[in-house]
């Protein structure tokens, strides 16, 4: 483990500690999801309370809360970047699909992330999969395997920029 990994590694004693703010945030997200699922209907809230409690308890077991520092500013900067990259990726995919020669050379590429800890790395993998033309195939330790539409494109600068921006969300600034 490098010195930078040690500096930002998740503390072992915090892996199963449920912080009040983190628990409330997670429960609130399930409440919003239930509200959206039922299209705002109050008729289903009896069942909803049971489902929200069960989902919250299961989520605490499956993905325990950690004591990550979240940066609201990092998240605020990330959202427009993500939307812009989604638009550019969509235009690129459409161009490739409509181009007479279909300039595609799909394949797998390796990327070694410098993000410390499991949660930021999973967030990176999910974000890559949400961007058009890419999909995360496997994440193991710091190695991420990515499927892309054109393996000839130099994707490393884009991935490092994305990694740096995600690092900001989690309070990691030395990427």
N, C-alpha and C. Protein backbone atom coordinates (compact mmCIF):
# COMPACT_ATOMS: atom_id res chain seq x y z
N UNK A 1 0.86 -1.18 0.00
CA UNK A 1 0.00 0.00 0.00
C UNK A 1 0.90 1.23 0.00
N UNK A 2 0.66 2.14 -0.91
CA UNK A 2 1.47 3.34 -1.01
C UNK A 2 1.10 4.31 0.12
N UNK A 3 1.97 5.32 0.30
CA UNK A 3 1.71 6.32 1.34
C UNK A 3 0.40 7.06 1.11
N UNK A 4 0.09 7.35 -0.18
CA UNK A 4 -1.17 8.07 -0.45
C UNK A 4 -2.38 7.19 -0.15
N UNK A 5 -2.27 5.87 -0.40
CA UNK A 5 -3.36 4.97 -0.06
C UNK A 5 -3.57 4.92 1.45
N UNK A 6 -2.46 4.92 2.22
CA UNK A 6 -2.58 4.88 3.67
C UNK A 6 -3.24 6.15 4.20
N UNK A 7 -2.91 7.29 3.56
CA UNK A 7 -3.45 8.56 4.02
C UNK A 7 -4.97 8.61 3.89
N UNK A 8 -5.50 8.00 2.80
CA UNK A 8 -6.93 8.08 2.56
C UNK A 8 -7.64 6.75 2.71
N UNK A 9 -6.97 5.72 3.22
CA UNK A 9 -7.60 4.42 3.38
C UNK A 9 -8.74 4.52 4.38
N UNK A 10 -9.73 3.70 4.17
CA UNK A 10 -10.87 3.70 5.08
C UNK A 10 -10.44 3.14 6.43
N UNK A 11 -10.77 3.80 7.51
CA UNK A 11 -10.40 3.29 8.82
C UNK A 11 -11.16 2.00 9.13
N UNK A 12 -10.43 0.98 9.58
CA UNK A 12 -11.03 -0.33 9.85
C UNK A 12 -12.14 -0.24 10.88
N UNK A 13 -11.94 0.59 11.90
CA UNK A 13 -12.95 0.67 12.96
C UNK A 13 -14.22 1.37 12.50
N UNK A 14 -14.18 2.05 11.37
CA UNK A 14 -15.36 2.80 10.91
C UNK A 14 -16.18 2.02 9.90
N UNK A 15 -15.74 0.85 9.48
CA UNK A 15 -16.41 0.15 8.39
C UNK A 15 -17.83 -0.27 8.75
N UNK A 16 -18.13 -0.50 10.02
CA UNK A 16 -19.47 -0.92 10.39
C UNK A 16 -20.17 0.07 11.31
N UNK A 17 -19.60 1.24 11.47
CA UNK A 17 -20.20 2.26 12.31
C UNK A 17 -21.26 2.99 11.51
N UNK A 18 -22.44 3.09 12.05
CA UNK A 18 -23.53 3.79 11.38
C UNK A 18 -23.59 5.19 11.96
N UNK A 19 -23.27 6.17 11.14
CA UNK A 19 -23.34 7.56 11.59
C UNK A 19 -24.79 8.04 11.43
N UNK A 20 -25.27 8.85 12.32
CA UNK A 20 -26.67 9.31 12.22
C UNK A 20 -26.96 10.01 10.89
N UNK A 21 -26.07 10.90 10.44
CA UNK A 21 -26.30 11.60 9.19
C UNK A 21 -26.32 10.62 8.01
N UNK A 22 -25.37 9.69 7.99
CA UNK A 22 -25.32 8.71 6.91
C UNK A 22 -26.54 7.82 6.88
N UNK A 23 -26.99 7.39 8.07
CA UNK A 23 -28.18 6.55 8.14
C UNK A 23 -29.42 7.32 7.67
N UNK A 24 -29.55 8.56 8.09
CA UNK A 24 -30.70 9.37 7.66
C UNK A 24 -30.68 9.64 6.16
N UNK A 25 -29.51 9.89 5.63
CA UNK A 25 -29.39 10.13 4.20
C UNK A 25 -29.79 8.88 3.40
N UNK A 26 -29.35 7.73 3.86
CA UNK A 26 -29.69 6.49 3.16
C UNK A 26 -31.19 6.20 3.28
N UNK A 27 -31.75 6.35 4.46
CA UNK A 27 -33.18 6.12 4.64
C UNK A 27 -33.99 7.11 3.80
N UNK A 28 -33.54 8.36 3.77
CA UNK A 28 -34.23 9.37 2.96
C UNK A 28 -34.21 8.99 1.48
N UNK A 29 -33.11 8.42 1.03
CA UNK A 29 -33.05 8.01 -0.38
C UNK A 29 -34.04 6.89 -0.66
N UNK A 30 -34.25 5.98 0.27
CA UNK A 30 -35.25 4.93 0.08
C UNK A 30 -36.67 5.50 0.13
N UNK A 31 -36.88 6.51 0.96
CA UNK A 31 -38.20 7.16 1.01
C UNK A 31 -38.49 7.83 -0.33
N UNK A 32 -37.51 8.54 -0.88
CA UNK A 32 -37.70 9.19 -2.18
C UNK A 32 -37.92 8.15 -3.27
N UNK A 33 -37.17 7.05 -3.22
CA UNK A 33 -37.35 5.99 -4.21
C UNK A 33 -38.76 5.39 -4.12
N UNK A 34 -39.24 5.16 -2.89
CA UNK A 34 -40.59 4.61 -2.73
C UNK A 34 -41.64 5.60 -3.23
N UNK A 35 -41.46 6.87 -2.90
CA UNK A 35 -42.38 7.91 -3.36
C UNK A 35 -42.43 7.93 -4.89
N UNK A 36 -41.27 7.84 -5.54
CA UNK A 36 -41.22 7.83 -7.01
C UNK A 36 -41.85 6.55 -7.56
N UNK A 37 -41.58 5.43 -6.91
CA UNK A 37 -42.11 4.14 -7.35
C UNK A 37 -43.64 4.12 -7.30
N UNK A 38 -44.20 4.74 -6.26
CA UNK A 38 -45.67 4.76 -6.11
C UNK A 38 -46.29 6.01 -6.74
N UNK A 39 -45.48 6.78 -7.45
CA UNK A 39 -45.94 7.99 -8.12
C UNK A 39 -46.60 8.96 -7.14
N UNK A 40 -46.08 9.02 -5.93
CA UNK A 40 -46.56 9.96 -4.94
C UNK A 40 -47.86 9.58 -4.25
N UNK A 41 -48.35 8.39 -4.50
CA UNK A 41 -49.61 7.95 -3.90
C UNK A 41 -49.41 7.64 -2.41
N UNK A 42 -50.33 8.11 -1.58
CA UNK A 42 -50.26 7.85 -0.15
C UNK A 42 -50.91 6.51 0.22
N UNK A 43 -51.60 5.88 -0.70
CA UNK A 43 -52.30 4.62 -0.41
C UNK A 43 -51.34 3.50 -0.04
N UNK A 44 -50.14 3.53 -0.58
CA UNK A 44 -49.20 2.42 -0.41
C UNK A 44 -48.18 2.63 0.70
N UNK A 45 -48.35 3.68 1.52
CA UNK A 45 -47.32 3.98 2.50
C UNK A 45 -47.27 2.99 3.66
N UNK A 46 -48.35 2.25 3.92
CA UNK A 46 -48.29 1.21 4.96
C UNK A 46 -47.26 0.16 4.58
N UNK A 47 -47.34 -0.33 3.36
CA UNK A 47 -46.35 -1.27 2.85
C UNK A 47 -45.01 -0.57 2.67
N UNK A 48 -45.05 0.69 2.28
CA UNK A 48 -43.83 1.46 2.05
C UNK A 48 -42.94 1.54 3.26
N UNK A 49 -43.54 1.75 4.44
CA UNK A 49 -42.75 1.83 5.67
C UNK A 49 -42.00 0.52 5.91
N UNK A 50 -42.69 -0.59 5.71
CA UNK A 50 -42.06 -1.91 5.88
C UNK A 50 -40.92 -2.09 4.88
N UNK A 51 -41.17 -1.76 3.63
CA UNK A 51 -40.16 -1.91 2.58
C UNK A 51 -38.97 -1.00 2.83
N UNK A 52 -39.22 0.23 3.24
CA UNK A 52 -38.14 1.18 3.50
C UNK A 52 -37.27 0.71 4.65
N UNK A 53 -37.88 0.23 5.72
CA UNK A 53 -37.11 -0.29 6.86
C UNK A 53 -36.30 -1.51 6.45
N UNK A 54 -36.93 -2.44 5.73
CA UNK A 54 -36.22 -3.65 5.30
C UNK A 54 -35.07 -3.31 4.34
N UNK A 55 -35.33 -2.41 3.40
CA UNK A 55 -34.29 -2.03 2.44
C UNK A 55 -33.14 -1.31 3.15
N UNK A 56 -33.47 -0.47 4.11
CA UNK A 56 -32.43 0.24 4.85
C UNK A 56 -31.56 -0.73 5.63
N UNK A 57 -32.18 -1.64 6.36
CA UNK A 57 -31.41 -2.62 7.15
C UNK A 57 -30.56 -3.50 6.24
N UNK A 58 -31.13 -3.94 5.12
CA UNK A 58 -30.36 -4.76 4.17
C UNK A 58 -29.20 -3.96 3.60
N UNK A 59 -29.43 -2.70 3.29
CA UNK A 59 -28.35 -1.90 2.72
C UNK A 59 -27.23 -1.65 3.73
N UNK A 60 -27.57 -1.51 5.01
CA UNK A 60 -26.54 -1.34 6.03
C UNK A 60 -25.68 -2.60 6.14
N UNK A 61 -26.29 -3.74 5.90
CA UNK A 61 -25.55 -5.00 5.96
C UNK A 61 -24.70 -5.21 4.69
N UNK A 62 -25.30 -4.93 3.55
CA UNK A 62 -24.61 -5.17 2.27
C UNK A 62 -23.52 -4.14 2.03
N UNK A 63 -23.81 -2.88 2.27
CA UNK A 63 -22.85 -1.80 2.07
C UNK A 63 -22.82 -0.94 3.32
N UNK A 64 -22.02 -1.37 4.31
CA UNK A 64 -21.96 -0.62 5.56
C UNK A 64 -21.54 0.82 5.33
N UNK A 65 -22.06 1.70 6.18
CA UNK A 65 -21.69 3.10 6.09
C UNK A 65 -20.23 3.26 6.49
N UNK A 66 -19.58 4.17 5.85
CA UNK A 66 -18.19 4.44 6.16
C UNK A 66 -18.05 5.92 6.49
N UNK A 67 -16.94 6.25 7.05
CA UNK A 67 -16.76 7.64 7.46
C UNK A 67 -16.02 8.44 6.38
N UNK A 68 -16.52 8.38 5.18
CA UNK A 68 -15.92 9.18 4.10
C UNK A 68 -16.32 10.62 4.27
N UNK A 69 -15.39 11.48 3.95
CA UNK A 69 -15.69 12.90 3.87
C UNK A 69 -16.28 13.17 2.50
N UNK A 70 -17.49 13.63 2.44
CA UNK A 70 -18.12 13.99 1.18
C UNK A 70 -17.91 15.48 0.97
N UNK A 71 -17.64 15.85 -0.25
CA UNK A 71 -17.48 17.26 -0.57
C UNK A 71 -18.67 17.70 -1.42
N UNK A 72 -19.49 18.55 -0.85
CA UNK A 72 -20.63 19.08 -1.59
C UNK A 72 -20.15 19.88 -2.80
N UNK A 73 -19.05 20.62 -2.62
CA UNK A 73 -18.49 21.38 -3.73
C UNK A 73 -18.01 20.45 -4.84
N UNK A 74 -17.34 19.35 -4.47
CA UNK A 74 -16.89 18.38 -5.46
C UNK A 74 -18.05 17.78 -6.23
N UNK A 75 -19.13 17.47 -5.52
CA UNK A 75 -20.33 16.93 -6.16
C UNK A 75 -20.98 17.97 -7.07
N UNK A 76 -21.02 19.22 -6.60
CA UNK A 76 -21.60 20.31 -7.38
C UNK A 76 -20.84 20.51 -8.69
N UNK A 77 -19.53 20.40 -8.65
CA UNK A 77 -18.73 20.53 -9.87
C UNK A 77 -18.85 19.30 -10.76
N UNK A 78 -19.10 18.14 -10.15
CA UNK A 78 -19.15 16.90 -10.91
C UNK A 78 -20.41 16.78 -11.77
N UNK A 79 -21.54 17.23 -11.26
CA UNK A 79 -22.82 17.04 -11.96
C UNK A 79 -22.82 17.66 -13.36
N UNK A 80 -22.44 18.94 -13.53
CA UNK A 80 -22.42 19.47 -14.90
C UNK A 80 -21.39 18.77 -15.79
N UNK A 81 -20.26 18.39 -15.21
CA UNK A 81 -19.24 17.66 -15.98
C UNK A 81 -19.83 16.34 -16.48
N UNK A 82 -20.52 15.61 -15.59
CA UNK A 82 -21.11 14.34 -15.97
C UNK A 82 -22.16 14.52 -17.07
N UNK A 83 -23.01 15.53 -16.92
CA UNK A 83 -24.04 15.78 -17.93
C UNK A 83 -23.41 16.13 -19.28
N UNK A 84 -22.36 16.95 -19.27
CA UNK A 84 -21.67 17.34 -20.50
C UNK A 84 -21.02 16.11 -21.15
N UNK A 85 -20.36 15.28 -20.36
CA UNK A 85 -19.72 14.07 -20.89
C UNK A 85 -20.77 13.10 -21.44
N UNK A 86 -21.92 13.05 -20.80
CA UNK A 86 -23.01 12.19 -21.30
C UNK A 86 -23.49 12.67 -22.66
N UNK A 87 -23.62 13.99 -22.81
CA UNK A 87 -24.03 14.55 -24.09
C UNK A 87 -22.99 14.27 -25.17
N UNK A 88 -21.73 14.54 -24.86
CA UNK A 88 -20.66 14.29 -25.84
C UNK A 88 -20.59 12.81 -26.21
N UNK A 89 -20.72 11.94 -25.21
CA UNK A 89 -20.68 10.50 -25.47
C UNK A 89 -21.85 10.05 -26.32
N UNK A 90 -23.02 10.62 -26.07
CA UNK A 90 -24.20 10.27 -26.87
C UNK A 90 -24.03 10.70 -28.32
N UNK A 91 -23.49 11.89 -28.52
CA UNK A 91 -23.24 12.37 -29.89
C UNK A 91 -22.21 11.49 -30.59
N UNK A 92 -21.18 11.07 -29.87
CA UNK A 92 -20.15 10.20 -30.44
C UNK A 92 -20.73 8.84 -30.84
N UNK A 93 -21.53 8.26 -29.96
CA UNK A 93 -22.16 6.97 -30.27
C UNK A 93 -23.08 7.10 -31.47
N UNK A 94 -23.88 8.17 -31.51
CA UNK A 94 -24.77 8.38 -32.64
C UNK A 94 -23.98 8.57 -33.93
N UNK A 95 -22.90 9.34 -33.88
CA UNK A 95 -22.06 9.55 -35.06
C UNK A 95 -21.50 8.22 -35.56
N UNK A 96 -20.99 7.40 -34.64
CA UNK A 96 -20.42 6.10 -35.04
C UNK A 96 -21.50 5.19 -35.64
N UNK A 97 -22.70 5.22 -35.08
CA UNK A 97 -23.77 4.36 -35.57
C UNK A 97 -24.26 4.80 -36.95
N UNK A 98 -24.26 6.11 -37.20
CA UNK A 98 -24.78 6.62 -38.46
C UNK A 98 -23.71 6.78 -39.55
N UNK A 99 -22.45 6.73 -39.17
CA UNK A 99 -21.36 6.87 -40.13
C UNK A 99 -21.37 5.68 -41.08
N UNK A 100 -21.20 5.92 -42.40
CA UNK A 100 -21.25 4.82 -43.38
C UNK A 100 -20.24 3.70 -43.10
N UNK A 101 -19.07 4.05 -42.58
CA UNK A 101 -18.04 3.03 -42.32
C UNK A 101 -18.13 2.46 -40.90
N UNK A 102 -19.04 2.98 -40.08
CA UNK A 102 -19.20 2.56 -38.68
C UNK A 102 -17.83 2.38 -38.01
N UNK A 103 -17.15 3.47 -37.70
CA UNK A 103 -15.81 3.39 -37.13
C UNK A 103 -15.81 2.83 -35.70
N UNK A 104 -15.98 1.53 -35.62
CA UNK A 104 -16.01 0.85 -34.33
C UNK A 104 -14.86 -0.15 -34.25
N UNK A 105 -14.24 -0.20 -33.12
CA UNK A 105 -13.25 -1.23 -32.83
C UNK A 105 -13.42 -1.56 -31.34
N UNK A 106 -14.54 -2.24 -31.02
CA UNK A 106 -14.83 -2.49 -29.61
C UNK A 106 -13.81 -3.43 -28.97
N UNK A 107 -13.64 -3.22 -27.69
CA UNK A 107 -12.72 -4.09 -26.96
C UNK A 107 -12.59 -3.66 -25.52
N UNK A 108 -11.74 -4.39 -24.83
CA UNK A 108 -11.52 -4.15 -23.40
C UNK A 108 -10.21 -3.41 -23.19
N UNK A 109 -10.23 -2.51 -22.21
CA UNK A 109 -9.04 -1.76 -21.86
C UNK A 109 -8.88 -1.77 -20.35
N UNK A 110 -7.63 -1.80 -19.89
CA UNK A 110 -7.33 -1.78 -18.46
C UNK A 110 -7.07 -0.35 -18.00
N UNK A 111 -7.54 -0.05 -16.81
CA UNK A 111 -7.25 1.23 -16.19
C UNK A 111 -6.95 0.98 -14.73
N UNK A 112 -5.80 1.46 -14.28
CA UNK A 112 -5.43 1.34 -12.87
C UNK A 112 -5.78 2.64 -12.17
N UNK A 113 -6.76 2.56 -11.29
CA UNK A 113 -7.22 3.75 -10.60
C UNK A 113 -6.34 4.06 -9.40
N UNK A 114 -6.22 5.32 -9.11
CA UNK A 114 -5.47 5.76 -7.93
C UNK A 114 -6.41 6.12 -6.79
N UNK A 115 -7.72 5.95 -7.01
CA UNK A 115 -8.69 6.25 -5.96
C UNK A 115 -8.50 5.27 -4.80
N UNK A 116 -8.47 5.76 -3.59
CA UNK A 116 -8.34 4.88 -2.44
C UNK A 116 -9.70 4.38 -1.96
N UNK A 117 -9.73 3.17 -1.48
CA UNK A 117 -10.95 2.65 -0.88
C UNK A 117 -11.95 2.12 -1.88
N UNK A 118 -12.85 1.30 -1.39
CA UNK A 118 -13.81 0.60 -2.23
C UNK A 118 -14.89 1.52 -2.80
N UNK A 119 -15.50 2.34 -1.96
CA UNK A 119 -16.63 3.16 -2.41
C UNK A 119 -16.28 4.12 -3.54
N UNK A 120 -15.19 4.88 -3.46
CA UNK A 120 -14.86 5.75 -4.59
C UNK A 120 -14.58 4.97 -5.88
N UNK A 121 -13.99 3.80 -5.76
CA UNK A 121 -13.71 2.98 -6.95
C UNK A 121 -14.99 2.44 -7.57
N UNK A 122 -15.93 2.03 -6.73
CA UNK A 122 -17.23 1.56 -7.24
C UNK A 122 -17.97 2.72 -7.90
N UNK A 123 -17.91 3.90 -7.28
CA UNK A 123 -18.54 5.08 -7.87
C UNK A 123 -17.94 5.38 -9.25
N UNK A 124 -16.63 5.24 -9.38
CA UNK A 124 -15.97 5.42 -10.68
C UNK A 124 -16.48 4.40 -11.69
N UNK A 125 -16.54 3.14 -11.29
CA UNK A 125 -17.01 2.08 -12.20
C UNK A 125 -18.45 2.32 -12.63
N UNK A 126 -19.31 2.71 -11.70
CA UNK A 126 -20.71 2.99 -12.04
C UNK A 126 -20.82 4.18 -12.99
N UNK A 127 -20.04 5.21 -12.71
CA UNK A 127 -20.07 6.40 -13.56
C UNK A 127 -19.64 6.07 -14.98
N UNK A 128 -18.58 5.29 -15.11
CA UNK A 128 -18.11 4.89 -16.44
C UNK A 128 -19.21 4.13 -17.18
N UNK A 129 -19.91 3.26 -16.48
CA UNK A 129 -20.98 2.49 -17.12
C UNK A 129 -22.16 3.36 -17.53
N UNK A 130 -22.36 4.48 -16.85
CA UNK A 130 -23.46 5.38 -17.20
C UNK A 130 -23.13 6.27 -18.39
N UNK A 131 -21.85 6.42 -18.69
CA UNK A 131 -21.45 7.25 -19.82
C UNK A 131 -21.61 6.47 -21.12
N UNK A 132 -22.18 7.08 -22.15
CA UNK A 132 -22.41 6.37 -23.42
C UNK A 132 -21.10 5.90 -24.05
N UNK A 133 -21.13 4.67 -24.57
CA UNK A 133 -19.98 4.13 -25.27
C UNK A 133 -18.99 3.39 -24.40
N UNK A 134 -19.22 3.35 -23.10
CA UNK A 134 -18.32 2.65 -22.19
C UNK A 134 -19.13 1.82 -21.20
N UNK A 135 -18.48 0.79 -20.69
CA UNK A 135 -19.10 -0.03 -19.65
C UNK A 135 -18.00 -0.64 -18.80
N UNK A 136 -18.15 -0.56 -17.51
CA UNK A 136 -17.20 -1.21 -16.61
C UNK A 136 -17.52 -2.69 -16.60
N UNK A 137 -16.50 -3.50 -16.82
CA UNK A 137 -16.68 -4.93 -16.90
C UNK A 137 -16.27 -5.61 -15.61
N UNK A 138 -15.17 -5.15 -15.01
CA UNK A 138 -14.67 -5.78 -13.79
C UNK A 138 -13.86 -4.77 -12.99
N UNK A 139 -14.02 -4.83 -11.69
CA UNK A 139 -13.25 -4.00 -10.77
C UNK A 139 -12.66 -4.93 -9.73
N UNK A 140 -11.34 -4.98 -9.68
CA UNK A 140 -10.67 -5.80 -8.68
C UNK A 140 -9.50 -5.00 -8.14
N UNK A 141 -9.56 -4.70 -6.85
CA UNK A 141 -8.57 -3.84 -6.20
C UNK A 141 -8.51 -2.51 -6.95
N UNK A 142 -7.34 -2.18 -7.52
CA UNK A 142 -7.22 -0.90 -8.22
C UNK A 142 -7.31 -1.05 -9.74
N UNK A 143 -7.59 -2.25 -10.23
CA UNK A 143 -7.67 -2.48 -11.67
C UNK A 143 -9.12 -2.52 -12.12
N UNK A 144 -9.40 -1.69 -13.12
CA UNK A 144 -10.74 -1.60 -13.70
C UNK A 144 -10.64 -2.00 -15.16
N UNK A 145 -11.47 -2.92 -15.57
CA UNK A 145 -11.53 -3.32 -16.98
C UNK A 145 -12.75 -2.66 -17.59
N UNK A 146 -12.52 -1.93 -18.68
CA UNK A 146 -13.55 -1.12 -19.31
C UNK A 146 -13.76 -1.56 -20.75
N UNK A 147 -15.02 -1.74 -21.13
CA UNK A 147 -15.35 -2.01 -22.54
C UNK A 147 -15.63 -0.67 -23.20
N UNK A 148 -15.01 -0.45 -24.35
CA UNK A 148 -15.25 0.80 -25.08
C UNK A 148 -15.52 0.49 -26.55
N UNK A 149 -16.13 1.45 -27.22
CA UNK A 149 -16.49 1.26 -28.62
C UNK A 149 -15.29 1.34 -29.56
N UNK A 150 -14.21 1.97 -29.12
CA UNK A 150 -13.04 2.09 -29.96
C UNK A 150 -11.78 2.02 -29.11
N UNK A 151 -11.10 0.89 -29.15
CA UNK A 151 -9.91 0.72 -28.33
C UNK A 151 -8.73 1.54 -28.84
N UNK A 152 -8.85 2.07 -30.05
CA UNK A 152 -7.77 2.91 -30.57
C UNK A 152 -7.79 4.31 -29.96
N UNK A 153 -8.93 4.73 -29.41
CA UNK A 153 -9.00 6.04 -28.75
C UNK A 153 -8.16 6.00 -27.48
N UNK A 154 -7.41 7.06 -27.24
CA UNK A 154 -6.62 7.16 -26.02
C UNK A 154 -7.55 7.62 -24.90
N UNK A 155 -8.01 6.67 -24.11
CA UNK A 155 -9.01 7.00 -23.09
C UNK A 155 -8.38 7.33 -21.74
N UNK A 156 -7.07 7.16 -21.59
CA UNK A 156 -6.43 7.37 -20.30
C UNK A 156 -6.58 8.81 -19.80
N UNK A 157 -6.35 9.85 -20.62
CA UNK A 157 -6.54 11.22 -20.08
C UNK A 157 -7.97 11.47 -19.61
N UNK A 158 -8.95 10.95 -20.34
CA UNK A 158 -10.35 11.13 -19.94
C UNK A 158 -10.62 10.40 -18.62
N UNK A 159 -10.10 9.19 -18.49
CA UNK A 159 -10.32 8.42 -17.26
C UNK A 159 -9.63 9.07 -16.07
N UNK A 160 -8.43 9.62 -16.28
CA UNK A 160 -7.73 10.29 -15.18
C UNK A 160 -8.47 11.55 -14.75
N UNK A 161 -9.05 12.27 -15.71
CA UNK A 161 -9.83 13.45 -15.38
C UNK A 161 -11.08 13.06 -14.59
N UNK A 162 -11.77 12.01 -15.05
CA UNK A 162 -12.95 11.51 -14.34
C UNK A 162 -12.57 11.05 -12.93
N UNK A 163 -11.48 10.33 -12.82
CA UNK A 163 -11.00 9.85 -11.53
C UNK A 163 -10.70 11.01 -10.58
N UNK A 164 -10.07 12.05 -11.09
CA UNK A 164 -9.73 13.23 -10.28
C UNK A 164 -11.01 13.91 -9.79
N UNK A 165 -12.00 14.03 -10.67
CA UNK A 165 -13.26 14.69 -10.29
C UNK A 165 -14.03 13.86 -9.26
N UNK A 166 -14.01 12.54 -9.41
CA UNK A 166 -14.66 11.68 -8.42
C UNK A 166 -13.90 11.73 -7.10
N UNK A 167 -12.59 11.80 -7.19
CA UNK A 167 -11.79 11.96 -5.98
C UNK A 167 -12.19 13.18 -5.18
N UNK A 168 -12.49 14.28 -5.87
CA UNK A 168 -12.93 15.51 -5.19
C UNK A 168 -14.21 15.30 -4.42
N UNK A 169 -15.12 14.48 -4.96
CA UNK A 169 -16.38 14.20 -4.27
C UNK A 169 -16.11 13.54 -2.92
N UNK A 170 -15.09 12.68 -2.89
CA UNK A 170 -14.77 11.94 -1.67
C UNK A 170 -13.67 12.60 -0.84
N UNK A 171 -13.34 13.84 -1.16
CA UNK A 171 -12.34 14.56 -0.38
C UNK A 171 -10.91 14.17 -0.67
N UNK A 172 -10.67 13.47 -1.78
CA UNK A 172 -9.31 13.07 -2.16
C UNK A 172 -8.83 14.10 -3.17
N UNK A 173 -7.78 14.83 -2.81
CA UNK A 173 -7.35 15.92 -3.68
C UNK A 173 -5.98 15.71 -4.31
N UNK A 174 -5.30 14.63 -4.00
CA UNK A 174 -3.93 14.45 -4.50
C UNK A 174 -3.87 13.49 -5.69
N UNK A 175 -4.84 13.51 -6.57
CA UNK A 175 -4.80 12.63 -7.74
C UNK A 175 -4.29 13.37 -8.95
